[in-house]
């Protein structure tokens, strides 16, 4: 079985390319990924079987040997770091809700700060 590294893989489009250890480029379709496996990151080391197609070689199946962490995953906060952030966010939302119960909107400058905080938390959760 040849080995190589994933040159790139587009999750949305469902394809990418593997650069074999011999320097050849091999087309990688989402159908070649192991069932239930995470999509490969760039530079993931893989074993693959291949066949020749009309447009060149393509991977029939791959085995992911080494999946490097993405930059986003490396910068992600740990669950322990998220606990006080989420507790503070809950207190913040409760204070806004209390104002709504009294028929009051937060001041515009305060509302923008709150929205920014909630966007930052959402961004951390989506990583």
N, C-alpha and C. Protein backbone atom coordinates (compact mmCIF):
# COMPACT_ATOMS: atom_id res chain seq x y z
N UNK A 1 0.84 -1.18 0.00
CA UNK A 1 0.00 0.00 0.00
C UNK A 1 0.89 1.24 0.00
N UNK A 2 0.68 2.16 -0.92
CA UNK A 2 1.50 3.39 -0.93
C UNK A 2 1.14 4.29 0.26
N UNK A 3 2.08 5.13 0.63
CA UNK A 3 1.85 6.10 1.70
C UNK A 3 2.09 7.50 1.15
N UNK A 4 1.55 8.48 1.83
CA UNK A 4 1.73 9.86 1.42
C UNK A 4 1.13 10.79 2.45
N UNK A 5 1.06 12.07 2.07
CA UNK A 5 0.47 13.08 2.96
C UNK A 5 -0.63 13.82 2.21
N UNK A 6 -1.65 14.20 2.94
CA UNK A 6 -2.75 14.96 2.35
C UNK A 6 -2.23 16.36 2.02
N UNK A 7 -2.30 16.71 0.74
CA UNK A 7 -1.87 18.05 0.32
C UNK A 7 -2.92 19.07 0.70
N UNK A 8 -4.18 18.76 0.43
CA UNK A 8 -5.30 19.55 0.92
C UNK A 8 -6.56 18.71 0.82
N UNK A 9 -7.55 19.08 1.63
CA UNK A 9 -8.85 18.41 1.57
C UNK A 9 -9.92 19.44 1.89
N UNK A 10 -10.88 19.60 1.00
CA UNK A 10 -11.97 20.55 1.16
C UNK A 10 -13.20 19.79 1.65
N UNK A 11 -13.57 20.01 2.90
CA UNK A 11 -14.70 19.29 3.51
C UNK A 11 -16.00 19.62 2.79
N UNK A 12 -16.20 20.89 2.43
CA UNK A 12 -17.44 21.31 1.79
C UNK A 12 -17.60 20.65 0.42
N UNK A 13 -16.54 20.64 -0.37
CA UNK A 13 -16.60 20.05 -1.70
C UNK A 13 -16.43 18.53 -1.68
N UNK A 14 -15.85 18.00 -0.61
CA UNK A 14 -15.73 16.55 -0.47
C UNK A 14 -14.61 15.92 -1.28
N UNK A 15 -13.55 16.68 -1.51
CA UNK A 15 -12.41 16.09 -2.22
C UNK A 15 -11.12 16.82 -1.87
N UNK A 16 -10.02 16.22 -2.27
CA UNK A 16 -8.71 16.82 -2.06
C UNK A 16 -7.67 16.03 -2.82
N UNK A 17 -6.41 16.18 -2.43
CA UNK A 17 -5.32 15.47 -3.08
C UNK A 17 -4.32 14.96 -2.06
N UNK A 18 -3.76 13.83 -2.37
CA UNK A 18 -2.68 13.23 -1.58
C UNK A 18 -1.42 13.37 -2.40
N UNK A 19 -0.32 13.74 -1.77
CA UNK A 19 0.98 13.69 -2.43
C UNK A 19 1.68 12.44 -1.92
N UNK A 20 1.89 11.49 -2.82
CA UNK A 20 2.53 10.24 -2.45
C UNK A 20 3.99 10.44 -2.08
N UNK A 21 4.54 9.49 -1.34
CA UNK A 21 5.95 9.56 -0.97
C UNK A 21 6.85 9.58 -2.21
N UNK A 22 6.34 9.09 -3.33
CA UNK A 22 7.10 9.10 -4.58
C UNK A 22 6.91 10.40 -5.36
N UNK A 23 6.12 11.35 -4.80
CA UNK A 23 5.92 12.65 -5.44
C UNK A 23 4.69 12.73 -6.32
N UNK A 24 3.98 11.63 -6.52
CA UNK A 24 2.81 11.64 -7.38
C UNK A 24 1.60 12.24 -6.66
N UNK A 25 0.72 12.87 -7.43
CA UNK A 25 -0.53 13.41 -6.89
C UNK A 25 -1.64 12.42 -7.13
N UNK A 26 -2.45 12.18 -6.09
CA UNK A 26 -3.54 11.23 -6.16
C UNK A 26 -4.80 11.94 -5.70
N UNK A 27 -5.86 11.85 -6.52
CA UNK A 27 -7.14 12.47 -6.19
C UNK A 27 -7.76 11.73 -5.00
N UNK A 28 -8.31 12.49 -4.05
CA UNK A 28 -8.93 11.93 -2.86
C UNK A 28 -10.38 12.37 -2.79
N UNK A 29 -11.30 11.44 -2.99
CA UNK A 29 -12.73 11.71 -2.90
C UNK A 29 -13.21 11.34 -1.50
N UNK A 30 -14.26 12.00 -1.04
CA UNK A 30 -14.81 11.72 0.29
C UNK A 30 -15.22 10.26 0.43
N UNK A 31 -15.58 9.62 -0.66
CA UNK A 31 -16.00 8.20 -0.62
C UNK A 31 -14.85 7.28 -0.21
N UNK A 32 -13.62 7.74 -0.35
CA UNK A 32 -12.45 6.92 0.00
C UNK A 32 -12.12 6.97 1.49
N UNK A 33 -12.75 7.89 2.22
CA UNK A 33 -12.47 8.02 3.65
C UNK A 33 -13.11 6.87 4.43
N UNK A 34 -12.49 6.46 5.53
CA UNK A 34 -13.09 5.42 6.37
C UNK A 34 -14.44 5.90 6.91
N UNK A 35 -15.40 4.99 7.00
CA UNK A 35 -16.73 5.34 7.49
C UNK A 35 -16.65 5.93 8.90
N UNK A 36 -17.29 7.07 9.09
CA UNK A 36 -17.34 7.72 10.39
C UNK A 36 -16.08 8.45 10.81
N UNK A 37 -15.07 8.46 9.96
CA UNK A 37 -13.80 9.12 10.31
C UNK A 37 -13.90 10.62 10.09
N UNK A 38 -13.13 11.37 10.87
CA UNK A 38 -13.01 12.81 10.67
C UNK A 38 -12.30 13.05 9.34
N UNK A 39 -12.64 14.14 8.63
CA UNK A 39 -11.91 14.44 7.40
C UNK A 39 -10.43 14.68 7.72
N UNK A 40 -9.55 14.33 6.81
CA UNK A 40 -8.12 14.50 7.09
C UNK A 40 -7.69 15.96 7.08
N UNK A 41 -6.79 16.31 7.98
CA UNK A 41 -6.19 17.64 7.99
C UNK A 41 -5.07 17.67 6.97
N UNK A 42 -4.67 18.88 6.59
CA UNK A 42 -3.52 19.04 5.72
C UNK A 42 -2.31 18.39 6.40
N UNK A 43 -1.52 17.68 5.65
CA UNK A 43 -0.30 16.99 6.09
C UNK A 43 -0.57 15.72 6.89
N UNK A 44 -1.82 15.25 6.90
CA UNK A 44 -2.10 13.98 7.57
C UNK A 44 -1.39 12.86 6.79
N UNK A 45 -0.72 11.97 7.49
CA UNK A 45 -0.03 10.85 6.86
C UNK A 45 -1.05 9.74 6.64
N UNK A 46 -1.09 9.20 5.42
CA UNK A 46 -2.09 8.19 5.07
C UNK A 46 -1.48 7.03 4.28
N UNK A 47 -2.10 5.87 4.42
CA UNK A 47 -1.91 4.74 3.52
C UNK A 47 -3.10 4.77 2.58
N UNK A 48 -2.91 4.39 1.35
CA UNK A 48 -4.05 4.40 0.43
C UNK A 48 -3.87 3.34 -0.65
N UNK A 49 -5.01 2.88 -1.13
CA UNK A 49 -4.98 2.04 -2.33
C UNK A 49 -5.47 2.93 -3.45
N UNK A 50 -5.05 2.66 -4.66
CA UNK A 50 -5.42 3.56 -5.74
C UNK A 50 -5.69 2.81 -7.03
N UNK A 51 -6.33 3.53 -7.93
CA UNK A 51 -6.62 3.02 -9.27
C UNK A 51 -6.39 4.16 -10.25
N UNK A 52 -6.25 3.79 -11.53
CA UNK A 52 -6.10 4.81 -12.56
C UNK A 52 -7.46 5.13 -13.15
N UNK A 53 -7.75 6.42 -13.24
CA UNK A 53 -9.01 6.87 -13.83
C UNK A 53 -8.74 7.67 -15.08
N UNK A 54 -9.80 8.22 -15.67
CA UNK A 54 -9.65 9.02 -16.89
C UNK A 54 -8.78 10.24 -16.67
N UNK A 55 -8.87 10.81 -15.48
CA UNK A 55 -8.12 12.04 -15.21
C UNK A 55 -6.87 11.80 -14.39
N UNK A 56 -6.51 10.55 -14.17
CA UNK A 56 -5.30 10.24 -13.41
C UNK A 56 -5.60 9.35 -12.23
N UNK A 57 -4.60 9.12 -11.38
CA UNK A 57 -4.80 8.21 -10.26
C UNK A 57 -5.74 8.80 -9.20
N UNK A 58 -6.51 7.91 -8.58
CA UNK A 58 -7.39 8.33 -7.50
C UNK A 58 -7.36 7.29 -6.39
N UNK A 59 -7.59 7.74 -5.18
CA UNK A 59 -7.57 6.86 -4.01
C UNK A 59 -8.88 6.10 -3.91
N UNK A 60 -8.77 4.79 -3.73
CA UNK A 60 -9.96 3.97 -3.54
C UNK A 60 -10.37 3.95 -2.07
N UNK A 61 -9.39 3.83 -1.21
CA UNK A 61 -9.63 3.86 0.24
C UNK A 61 -8.36 4.36 0.90
N UNK A 62 -8.54 5.02 2.03
CA UNK A 62 -7.37 5.50 2.76
C UNK A 62 -7.46 5.07 4.22
N UNK A 63 -6.30 5.00 4.82
CA UNK A 63 -6.19 4.76 6.25
C UNK A 63 -5.36 5.92 6.80
N UNK A 64 -5.93 6.66 7.73
CA UNK A 64 -5.23 7.81 8.30
C UNK A 64 -4.29 7.29 9.39
N UNK A 65 -2.99 7.50 9.17
CA UNK A 65 -1.97 7.02 10.11
C UNK A 65 -1.65 8.04 11.18
N UNK A 66 -1.52 9.30 10.79
CA UNK A 66 -1.15 10.36 11.71
C UNK A 66 -1.90 11.62 11.32
N UNK A 67 -2.77 12.09 12.21
CA UNK A 67 -3.60 13.26 11.94
C UNK A 67 -3.07 14.43 12.77
N UNK A 68 -2.33 15.38 12.16
CA UNK A 68 -1.83 16.51 12.95
C UNK A 68 -2.99 17.39 13.39
N UNK A 69 -2.84 18.03 14.55
CA UNK A 69 -3.85 18.95 15.04
C UNK A 69 -3.88 20.19 14.18
N UNK A 70 -5.09 20.69 13.91
CA UNK A 70 -5.19 21.94 13.16
C UNK A 70 -4.80 23.11 14.06
N UNK A 71 -4.48 24.23 13.47
CA UNK A 71 -4.11 25.43 14.22
C UNK A 71 -5.26 25.86 15.11
N UNK A 72 -6.48 25.73 14.62
CA UNK A 72 -7.65 26.11 15.40
C UNK A 72 -7.76 25.22 16.63
N UNK A 73 -7.56 23.91 16.47
CA UNK A 73 -7.65 23.00 17.60
C UNK A 73 -6.56 23.29 18.63
N UNK A 74 -5.38 23.67 18.18
CA UNK A 74 -4.29 23.99 19.11
C UNK A 74 -4.60 25.22 19.94
N UNK A 75 -5.32 26.19 19.35
CA UNK A 75 -5.60 27.44 20.05
C UNK A 75 -6.89 27.38 20.86
N UNK A 76 -7.60 26.27 20.79
CA UNK A 76 -8.88 26.12 21.48
C UNK A 76 -8.67 26.06 23.00
N UNK A 77 -9.56 26.72 23.73
CA UNK A 77 -9.49 26.68 25.19
C UNK A 77 -9.89 25.29 25.68
N UNK A 78 -9.36 24.92 26.84
CA UNK A 78 -9.72 23.63 27.43
C UNK A 78 -11.10 23.77 28.08
N UNK A 79 -11.79 22.65 28.31
CA UNK A 79 -13.08 22.73 29.01
C UNK A 79 -12.95 23.42 30.37
N UNK A 80 -11.85 23.18 31.06
CA UNK A 80 -11.65 23.81 32.37
C UNK A 80 -11.54 25.33 32.24
N UNK A 81 -10.94 25.82 31.14
CA UNK A 81 -10.84 27.26 30.93
C UNK A 81 -12.20 27.86 30.55
N UNK A 82 -13.08 27.05 29.96
CA UNK A 82 -14.38 27.56 29.53
C UNK A 82 -15.38 27.69 30.68
N UNK A 83 -15.17 26.96 31.78
CA UNK A 83 -16.14 26.98 32.89
C UNK A 83 -16.38 28.39 33.42
N UNK A 84 -15.34 29.14 33.84
CA UNK A 84 -15.64 30.49 34.37
C UNK A 84 -16.19 31.43 33.29
N UNK A 85 -15.78 31.23 32.05
CA UNK A 85 -16.29 32.07 30.96
C UNK A 85 -17.79 31.85 30.81
N UNK A 86 -18.21 30.58 30.81
CA UNK A 86 -19.63 30.27 30.65
C UNK A 86 -20.43 30.74 31.87
N UNK A 87 -19.86 30.59 33.07
CA UNK A 87 -20.56 31.05 34.28
C UNK A 87 -20.77 32.57 34.23
N UNK A 88 -19.75 33.31 33.80
CA UNK A 88 -19.89 34.76 33.67
C UNK A 88 -20.90 35.13 32.59
N UNK A 89 -20.91 34.37 31.49
CA UNK A 89 -21.87 34.64 30.42
C UNK A 89 -23.31 34.43 30.91
N UNK A 90 -23.51 33.40 31.71
CA UNK A 90 -24.85 33.13 32.26
C UNK A 90 -25.29 34.28 33.16
N UNK A 91 -24.38 34.77 34.01
CA UNK A 91 -24.70 35.92 34.88
C UNK A 91 -25.03 37.15 34.03
N UNK A 92 -24.27 37.36 32.96
CA UNK A 92 -24.49 38.50 32.08
C UNK A 92 -25.86 38.41 31.42
N UNK A 93 -26.20 37.23 30.91
CA UNK A 93 -27.50 37.05 30.26
C UNK A 93 -28.63 37.20 31.27
N UNK A 94 -28.43 36.69 32.48
CA UNK A 94 -29.45 36.85 33.53
C UNK A 94 -29.70 38.32 33.84
N UNK A 95 -28.62 39.13 33.86
CA UNK A 95 -28.79 40.56 34.15
C UNK A 95 -29.56 41.26 33.01
N UNK A 96 -29.31 40.86 31.79
CA UNK A 96 -30.04 41.43 30.66
C UNK A 96 -31.50 41.02 30.75
N UNK A 97 -31.73 39.75 31.06
CA UNK A 97 -33.08 39.23 31.16
C UNK A 97 -33.87 39.96 32.26
N UNK A 98 -33.20 40.27 33.36
CA UNK A 98 -33.85 41.01 34.45
C UNK A 98 -34.29 42.38 33.95
N UNK A 99 -33.46 43.04 33.16
CA UNK A 99 -33.84 44.32 32.57
C UNK A 99 -35.04 44.19 31.67
N UNK A 100 -35.10 43.12 30.88
CA UNK A 100 -36.24 42.89 30.00
C UNK A 100 -37.52 42.68 30.82
N UNK A 101 -37.39 42.00 31.95
CA UNK A 101 -38.56 41.79 32.83
C UNK A 101 -39.10 43.12 33.35
N UNK A 102 -38.20 44.10 33.46
CA UNK A 102 -38.60 45.44 33.90
C UNK A 102 -38.85 46.37 32.71
N UNK A 103 -39.02 45.78 31.53
CA UNK A 103 -39.32 46.52 30.30
C UNK A 103 -38.22 47.50 29.91
N UNK A 104 -36.96 47.11 30.16
CA UNK A 104 -35.82 47.98 29.83
C UNK A 104 -34.83 47.24 28.93
N UNK A 105 -34.42 47.93 27.89
CA UNK A 105 -33.35 47.44 27.03
C UNK A 105 -32.03 47.89 27.61
N UNK A 106 -30.96 47.12 27.38
CA UNK A 106 -29.65 47.62 27.83
C UNK A 106 -29.25 48.84 27.01
N UNK A 107 -28.42 49.70 27.61
CA UNK A 107 -27.92 50.86 26.87
C UNK A 107 -27.19 50.37 25.63
N UNK A 108 -27.20 51.19 24.58
CA UNK A 108 -26.61 50.78 23.29
C UNK A 108 -25.15 50.38 23.41
N UNK A 109 -24.36 51.16 24.13
CA UNK A 109 -22.94 50.83 24.27
C UNK A 109 -22.77 49.51 25.04
N UNK A 110 -23.59 49.30 26.05
CA UNK A 110 -23.53 48.07 26.83
C UNK A 110 -23.99 46.88 25.96
N UNK A 111 -25.02 47.10 25.15
CA UNK A 111 -25.54 46.04 24.28
C UNK A 111 -24.48 45.59 23.27
N UNK A 112 -23.70 46.53 22.74
CA UNK A 112 -22.65 46.18 21.77
C UNK A 112 -21.55 45.36 22.45
N UNK A 113 -21.20 45.72 23.68
CA UNK A 113 -20.20 44.95 24.42
C UNK A 113 -20.70 43.53 24.68
N UNK A 114 -21.94 43.42 25.09
CA UNK A 114 -22.54 42.11 25.36
C UNK A 114 -22.55 41.26 24.10
N UNK A 115 -22.96 41.86 22.99
CA UNK A 115 -23.01 41.13 21.72
C UNK A 115 -21.61 40.65 21.33
N UNK A 116 -20.60 41.49 21.53
CA UNK A 116 -19.22 41.10 21.22
C UNK A 116 -18.75 39.94 22.07
N UNK A 117 -19.10 39.98 23.35
CA UNK A 117 -18.72 38.88 24.26
C UNK A 117 -19.38 37.58 23.82
N UNK A 118 -20.68 37.65 23.51
CA UNK A 118 -21.40 36.44 23.10
C UNK A 118 -20.87 35.89 21.76
N UNK A 119 -20.49 36.78 20.84
CA UNK A 119 -19.90 36.33 19.57
C UNK A 119 -18.57 35.61 19.82
N UNK A 120 -17.76 36.14 20.73
CA UNK A 120 -16.46 35.53 21.04
C UNK A 120 -16.66 34.14 21.65
N UNK A 121 -17.64 34.01 22.53
CA UNK A 121 -17.94 32.70 23.13
C UNK A 121 -18.41 31.73 22.05
N UNK A 122 -19.29 32.20 21.18
CA UNK A 122 -19.80 31.35 20.10
C UNK A 122 -18.66 30.90 19.19
N UNK A 123 -17.72 31.79 18.91
CA UNK A 123 -16.58 31.45 18.08
C UNK A 123 -15.73 30.35 18.73
N UNK A 124 -15.52 30.46 20.05
CA UNK A 124 -14.77 29.42 20.76
C UNK A 124 -15.49 28.09 20.71
N UNK A 125 -16.81 28.11 20.81
CA UNK A 125 -17.58 26.86 20.80
C UNK A 125 -17.58 26.20 19.43
N UNK A 126 -17.49 27.00 18.37
CA UNK A 126 -17.53 26.45 17.01
C UNK A 126 -16.22 25.84 16.56
N UNK A 127 -15.13 26.11 17.24
CA UNK A 127 -13.82 25.61 16.82
C UNK A 127 -13.77 24.11 16.88
